[in-house]
Amino acid sequence: MAANPLYYTHRHSNQVQAACPTMTQERYMEGWDRANSLVNTMIGVANEVARLAISDGIDAIKRAGKYRQKTKQLCNETFRRQEEYEAQHNQNFGDRLKLWLDYLDGTEDEYRRHIFNIYMAVKMALDRHRQTNTELKARIECGRICAELAVGQFDALMADLKEKFGVDYSPLFIRGRYDGPLWAWRRVCDIYVQTDDPKQYINLNDDANLRLAADVLARKLSDSDVLNRIGKHAIEQNLEVARRFSTDEDLKELGVIDENE
């Protein structure tokens, strides 16, 4: 993946490096820089996809007339945790904030169809089992699946970095883990994503269409071509800012500026 200016501004932890006394400062920083970049580009996108899917679920709850009492409280709690994550994340960008927000805007264009495919796979599975309110249940479950994928992407990235660099960078970037909104949204699922007959059990993991849709989304969330395409569009809209944080070589690699410049 080409370098880009979507970077956190976390301070480094000497305690983490102290756990690996044989590691050079250069090697430690190499791993930190990679984590820094990917938490913004890859994990930021995964979390935005989860937010979009959960928002669809809340809209479905409202259309069904269920947005009240305990459900409303849990939806508000999900949003509160989402806003807390966004506030913590956005403050790291400073004058690059518009670049970051334009990057997130591109996420919806690239991933909306994959969210829909997961929703439809869930709905069709529930319809085959002759369940009621399948549109509502599928929207809510789709939000949970996308949020689980976002958390899984974060954990997998940190595991890969630990294997490569020998350092657990996750404490430095734990604010990027989407477990807060997921916790609250699971409580919503507990209320609505139930079979009509309490004795009936539907294992959605057995559904081939859903497995395929989820696998495709998971692959797309870490697809460097997709992420670079989103980044290129955002940088083109914020080229002056991007030039302050990227070299011309990086921008040429992304195709933002001409090779002859």
Protein backbone atom coordinates (compact mmCIF):
# COMPACT_ATOMS: atom_id res chain seq x y z
CA MET A 1 0.00 0.00 0.00
CA ALA A 2 1.33 3.41 -0.88
CA ALA A 3 2.06 5.77 1.98
CA ASN A 4 -0.56 8.37 2.69
CA PRO A 5 -1.10 11.19 5.19
CA LEU A 6 -3.89 9.50 7.16
CA TYR A 7 -1.89 9.16 10.34
CA TYR A 8 -2.59 9.02 14.04
CA THR A 9 -0.51 11.23 16.29
CA HIS A 10 -0.19 8.87 19.26
CA ARG A 11 2.88 9.27 21.41
CA HIS A 12 5.13 6.24 21.65
CA SER A 13 5.31 4.09 24.77
CA ASN A 14 8.77 3.44 26.19
CA GLN A 15 7.22 0.74 28.35
CA VAL A 16 6.24 -1.25 25.27
CA GLN A 17 9.71 -1.03 23.84
CA ALA A 18 11.24 -1.92 27.20
CA ALA A 19 9.48 -5.26 26.96
CA CYS A 20 11.72 -6.02 23.97
CA PRO A 21 15.15 -4.72 25.04
CA THR A 22 16.89 -6.32 22.05
CA MET A 23 14.79 -4.37 19.56
CA THR A 24 16.40 -1.33 17.99
CA GLN A 25 14.64 2.01 18.02
CA GLU A 26 14.53 1.91 14.23
CA ARG A 27 12.82 -1.49 14.17
CA TYR A 28 10.36 -0.48 16.87
CA MET A 29 9.43 2.67 14.93
CA GLU A 30 9.05 0.70 11.72
CA GLY A 31 6.38 -1.41 13.36
CA TRP A 32 4.76 1.59 15.02
CA ASP A 33 4.58 3.48 11.72
CA ARG A 34 2.95 0.52 10.00
CA ALA A 35 0.41 0.11 12.80
CA ASN A 36 -0.20 3.84 12.73
CA SER A 37 -0.98 3.86 9.02
CA LEU A 38 -3.12 0.72 8.94
CA VAL A 39 -5.22 1.65 11.98
CA ASN A 40 -6.33 4.70 10.00
CA THR A 41 -6.67 3.27 6.53
CA MET A 42 -7.84 -0.31 7.11
CA ILE A 43 -9.33 -0.25 10.63
CA GLY A 44 -10.86 3.19 10.09
CA VAL A 45 -12.69 1.84 7.04
CA ALA A 46 -13.83 -1.33 8.85
CA ASN A 47 -15.23 0.75 11.70
CA GLU A 48 -17.02 3.07 9.28
CA VAL A 49 -18.61 0.08 7.54
CA ALA A 50 -19.83 -1.13 10.94
CA ARG A 51 -21.26 2.32 11.68
CA LEU A 52 -23.14 2.35 8.37
CA ALA A 53 -24.61 -1.10 8.97
CA ILE A 54 -25.66 -0.28 12.53
CA SER A 55 -27.25 2.97 11.32
CA ASP A 56 -29.27 0.91 8.84
CA GLY A 57 -30.39 -1.25 11.75
CA ILE A 58 -31.51 1.73 13.79
CA ASP A 59 -33.43 3.11 10.80
CA ALA A 60 -35.19 -0.26 10.47
CA ILE A 61 -36.06 -0.19 14.18
CA LYS A 62 -37.59 3.25 13.76
CA ARG A 63 -39.59 2.18 10.69
CA ALA A 64 -40.94 -0.79 12.65
CA GLY A 65 -42.10 1.49 15.46
CA LYS A 66 -39.78 -0.16 17.97
CA TYR A 67 -37.63 2.87 18.79
CA ARG A 68 -38.78 3.28 22.38
CA GLN A 69 -37.99 2.40 25.99
CA LYS A 70 -35.18 -0.18 26.36
CA THR A 71 -34.49 -0.35 22.62
CA LYS A 72 -34.11 3.42 22.36
CA GLN A 73 -31.76 3.44 25.34
CA LEU A 74 -29.55 0.78 23.77
CA CYS A 75 -29.52 2.50 20.38
CA ASN A 76 -28.54 5.74 22.08
CA GLU A 77 -25.82 3.90 24.01
CA THR A 78 -24.49 2.47 20.75
CA PHE A 79 -24.38 5.95 19.23
CA ARG A 80 -22.78 7.39 22.35
CA ARG A 81 -19.98 4.87 22.15
CA GLN A 82 -19.65 5.51 18.41
CA GLU A 83 -19.41 9.27 18.97
CA GLU A 84 -16.84 8.71 21.72
CA TYR A 85 -14.72 6.66 19.33
CA GLU A 86 -15.07 9.28 16.57
CA ALA A 87 -14.18 12.17 18.87
CA GLN A 88 -11.04 10.43 20.11
CA HIS A 89 -10.06 9.41 16.62
CA ASN A 90 -10.76 12.71 14.86
CA GLN A 91 -8.80 14.83 17.31
CA ASN A 92 -5.60 13.17 16.14
CA PHE A 93 -5.83 14.61 12.64
CA GLY A 94 -5.65 18.35 13.28
CA ASP A 95 -5.66 20.23 9.98
CA ARG A 96 -5.93 16.88 8.17
CA LEU A 97 -9.45 16.29 9.52
CA LYS A 98 -11.21 17.18 6.26
CA LEU A 99 -8.94 14.76 4.43
CA TRP A 100 -9.91 12.02 6.89
CA LEU A 101 -13.63 12.78 6.64
CA ASP A 102 -13.45 12.75 2.83
CA TYR A 103 -11.72 9.38 3.12
CA LEU A 104 -14.60 8.04 5.20
CA ASP A 105 -17.13 9.44 2.70
CA GLY A 106 -15.49 7.27 0.05
CA THR A 107 -16.00 4.23 2.24
CA GLU A 108 -19.75 4.24 1.72
CA ASP A 109 -19.39 4.33 -2.07
CA GLU A 110 -17.05 1.34 -2.04
CA TYR A 111 -18.67 -0.84 0.62
CA ARG A 112 -22.39 -0.14 0.64
CA ARG A 113 -23.13 -3.01 -1.75
CA HIS A 114 -21.23 -5.44 0.46
CA ILE A 115 -23.28 -4.39 3.49
CA PHE A 116 -26.42 -4.95 1.42
CA ASN A 117 -25.24 -8.41 0.36
CA ILE A 118 -24.82 -9.46 4.00
CA TYR A 119 -28.24 -8.05 4.86
CA MET A 120 -29.88 -9.92 1.98
CA ALA A 121 -28.12 -13.17 2.85
CA VAL A 122 -29.41 -12.97 6.43
CA LYS A 123 -32.91 -12.05 5.30
CA MET A 124 -33.10 -14.87 2.76
CA ALA A 125 -31.91 -17.37 5.38
CA LEU A 126 -34.59 -16.21 7.81
CA ASP A 127 -37.23 -16.26 5.06
CA ARG A 128 -36.34 -19.87 4.22
CA HIS A 129 -37.00 -20.75 7.86
CA ARG A 130 -40.37 -18.96 7.65
CA GLN A 131 -39.52 -16.33 10.27
CA THR A 132 -41.47 -13.10 10.70
CA ASN A 133 -40.11 -9.53 10.69
CA THR A 134 -37.14 -10.68 8.65
CA GLU A 135 -36.31 -7.22 7.31
CA LEU A 136 -35.91 -5.86 10.83
CA LYS A 137 -34.03 -8.88 12.15
CA ALA A 138 -31.71 -8.97 9.14
CA ARG A 139 -30.82 -5.28 9.38
CA ILE A 140 -29.99 -5.60 13.07
CA GLU A 141 -27.99 -8.80 12.57
CA CYS A 142 -26.13 -7.25 9.62
CA GLY A 143 -24.97 -4.44 11.91
CA ARG A 144 -23.67 -6.97 14.43
CA ILE A 145 -21.84 -8.98 11.76
CA CYS A 146 -20.13 -5.88 10.36
CA ALA A 147 -19.13 -4.72 13.85
CA GLU A 148 -17.74 -8.19 14.64
CA LEU A 149 -15.74 -8.03 11.41
CA ALA A 150 -14.33 -4.62 12.41
CA VAL A 151 -13.16 -5.96 15.77
CA GLY A 152 -11.76 -9.04 14.06
CA GLN A 153 -9.80 -6.87 11.59
CA PHE A 154 -8.22 -4.93 14.47
CA ASP A 155 -7.27 -8.08 16.37
CA ALA A 156 -5.85 -9.74 13.24
CA LEU A 157 -3.78 -6.66 12.39
CA MET A 158 -2.30 -6.44 15.87
CA ALA A 159 -1.53 -10.18 15.85
CA ASP A 160 0.24 -9.84 12.49
CA LEU A 161 2.30 -6.91 13.72
CA LYS A 162 3.24 -8.75 16.90
CA GLU A 163 4.37 -11.76 14.88
CA LYS A 164 6.42 -9.59 12.52
CA PHE A 165 7.96 -7.13 14.98
CA GLY A 166 7.76 -8.98 18.29
CA VAL A 167 5.83 -6.14 19.98
CA ASP A 168 2.21 -5.93 21.07
CA TYR A 169 1.20 -2.52 19.70
CA SER A 170 -2.47 -2.97 20.60
CA PRO A 171 -2.33 -0.94 23.86
CA LEU A 172 -1.22 2.09 21.82
CA PHE A 173 -4.11 1.80 19.38
CA ILE A 174 -6.83 0.21 21.51
CA ARG A 175 -9.09 3.22 20.95
CA GLY A 176 -9.42 2.06 17.36
CA ARG A 177 -11.03 -1.24 18.42
CA TYR A 178 -14.78 -1.16 17.77
CA ASP A 179 -15.77 -3.26 20.77
CA GLY A 180 -17.56 -0.39 22.53
CA PRO A 181 -20.38 0.11 19.99
CA LEU A 182 -20.47 -3.65 19.38
CA TRP A 183 -21.14 -4.34 23.07
CA ALA A 184 -24.21 -2.09 23.07
CA TRP A 185 -25.47 -3.33 19.69
CA ARG A 186 -25.32 -6.95 20.83
CA ARG A 187 -27.86 -6.02 23.50
CA VAL A 188 -30.19 -4.84 20.73
CA CYS A 189 -29.66 -8.15 18.93
CA ASP A 190 -30.55 -10.02 22.10
CA ILE A 191 -33.98 -8.38 21.99
CA TYR A 192 -34.88 -8.70 18.31
CA VAL A 193 -32.77 -11.35 16.60
CA GLN A 194 -34.70 -14.30 17.98
CA THR A 195 -36.57 -17.15 16.33
CA ASP A 196 -40.36 -17.02 16.41
CA ASP A 197 -40.42 -20.37 18.22
CA PRO A 198 -38.10 -20.31 21.27
CA LYS A 199 -37.43 -24.02 20.69
CA GLN A 200 -36.20 -23.44 17.16
CA TYR A 201 -32.49 -22.85 16.49
CA ILE A 202 -31.15 -21.31 13.26
CA ASN A 203 -27.39 -21.45 12.76
CA LEU A 204 -26.57 -18.70 10.27
CA ASN A 205 -22.99 -20.00 10.11
CA ASP A 206 -24.39 -22.86 8.03
CA ASP A 207 -25.67 -20.51 5.35
CA ALA A 208 -23.31 -20.56 2.35
CA ASN A 209 -24.57 -17.25 0.95
CA LEU A 210 -23.94 -15.46 4.23
CA ARG A 211 -20.49 -17.00 4.65
CA LEU A 212 -19.60 -15.88 1.14
CA ALA A 213 -20.91 -12.34 1.64
CA ALA A 214 -19.06 -11.96 4.95
CA ASP A 215 -15.84 -13.41 3.51
CA VAL A 216 -15.97 -11.04 0.55
CA LEU A 217 -16.43 -8.03 2.82
CA ALA A 218 -13.59 -9.17 5.09
CA ARG A 219 -11.27 -9.45 2.08
CA LYS A 220 -12.34 -6.09 0.70
CA LEU A 221 -11.68 -4.41 4.07
CA SER A 222 -7.98 -5.24 3.71
CA ASP A 223 -7.75 -4.89 -0.07
CA SER A 224 -4.97 -2.37 -0.75
CA ASP A 225 -6.38 -1.54 -4.19
CA VAL A 226 -9.72 -0.52 -2.67
CA LEU A 227 -8.12 1.40 0.19
CA ASN A 228 -5.74 3.21 -2.16
CA ARG A 229 -8.64 4.10 -4.45
CA ILE A 230 -10.52 5.66 -1.53
CA GLY A 231 -7.35 7.42 -0.37
CA LYS A 232 -6.57 8.74 -3.84
CA HIS A 233 -9.98 10.36 -4.15
CA ALA A 234 -9.70 11.96 -0.70
CA ILE A 235 -6.18 13.24 -1.39
CA GLU A 236 -7.23 14.71 -4.74
CA GLN A 237 -9.79 16.78 -2.85
CA ASN A 238 -7.18 17.87 -0.28
CA LEU A 239 -3.98 17.97 -2.30
CA GLU A 240 -2.50 21.02 -0.60
CA VAL A 241 -2.82 19.39 2.81
CA ALA A 242 -1.62 16.03 1.52
CA ARG A 243 1.59 17.53 0.12
CA ARG A 244 2.61 18.59 3.63
CA PHE A 245 2.55 15.01 4.87
CA SER A 246 3.50 12.95 1.82
CA THR A 247 6.39 12.93 -0.61
CA ASP A 248 5.87 13.46 -4.33
CA GLU A 249 6.97 9.84 -4.81
CA ASP A 250 4.11 8.63 -2.60
CA LEU A 251 1.59 10.80 -4.42
CA LYS A 252 2.87 9.59 -7.79
CA GLU A 253 2.54 5.98 -6.63
CA LEU A 254 -1.09 6.66 -5.74
CA GLY A 255 -1.60 8.32 -9.13
CA VAL A 256 -2.57 11.64 -7.55
CA ILE A 257 0.07 13.66 -9.39
CA ASP A 258 1.67 13.09 -12.78
CA GLU A 259 4.88 11.07 -13.02
CA ASN A 260 6.55 13.99 -14.83
CA GLU A 261 5.94 16.53 -12.06
